[in-house]
């Protein structure tokens, strides 16, 4: 697998001396779906902000497509490669309408008008918000706003999109809607890095990376992480299905192991 992001011995300290990231090593390949999880203050958001040079290392190295983030001349290419979608989408809105907002990114890249219109259409359609094109983005619901923010990043055609706690302020229906959109984006071949504290959102990932106190404490498939690590000690609540399957296994029910979905658990209980 071709490496896209290489993080080696990354150190980052806030101006007051507080250590946010401590000797982090992480390699992410093109086309992967990587979830980064951890309790508040674990370092996960600080980590992903290094991936497109919003933050720069105090020590160590971060490279994107072999371009080091410490070299300012590399920042334009790095930021074209790594798109970011944040928790509060309002801060990302520029245009007066959804259509204008989605077009803003490719316009800044200097793309021809015909290509911009094409990218806007594709992005709006992929996010299922074509009918909102003439609405003000600030007048929309929380879930719709996040879809507009994602469409704006999609229109710039990055090779990787980082989703930083994008569902944390949404209701359950909107959360599922946005997560389904993230899955569709990954299915098209985009590398996805998804930051969350809800482990039920991790089951479709290739890898689950757990952060605690600025360190990576687990990095494996979600099933292996749930099987091999006691995540409660890191202040992380297990998904209900995983917690129930572990409880049943410990109670002596045979053949259950770690179930990630309700269907898996039902199949184990009633083969």
Foldseek 3Di string as FASTA:
>chain_A
DAWFKWWAQFWDADPVGQTQAGGETDTDHFLFAEEEAFDPSLNPVVVVCVQLLVDATPDTFMDGVNHTSVDVVCNVVSPLQEAEQEQDLVVQADDQFLLVRLLVQVVVVVDDPVLSVVLSVVLCVLLVNPVRGGPGLVVDDLLSSSSSSVSSSVSSPHLEYEYAQNCVPDDPVSSVSVLVSVVVVSVVRRHYYYYHLACLSQQPGQWYFYGGSNYTPDIGHSLCCLQPDDCVVRVGDDDPQQVVLVVVVVVPQPQRRGDSDPVSNCVRVPD
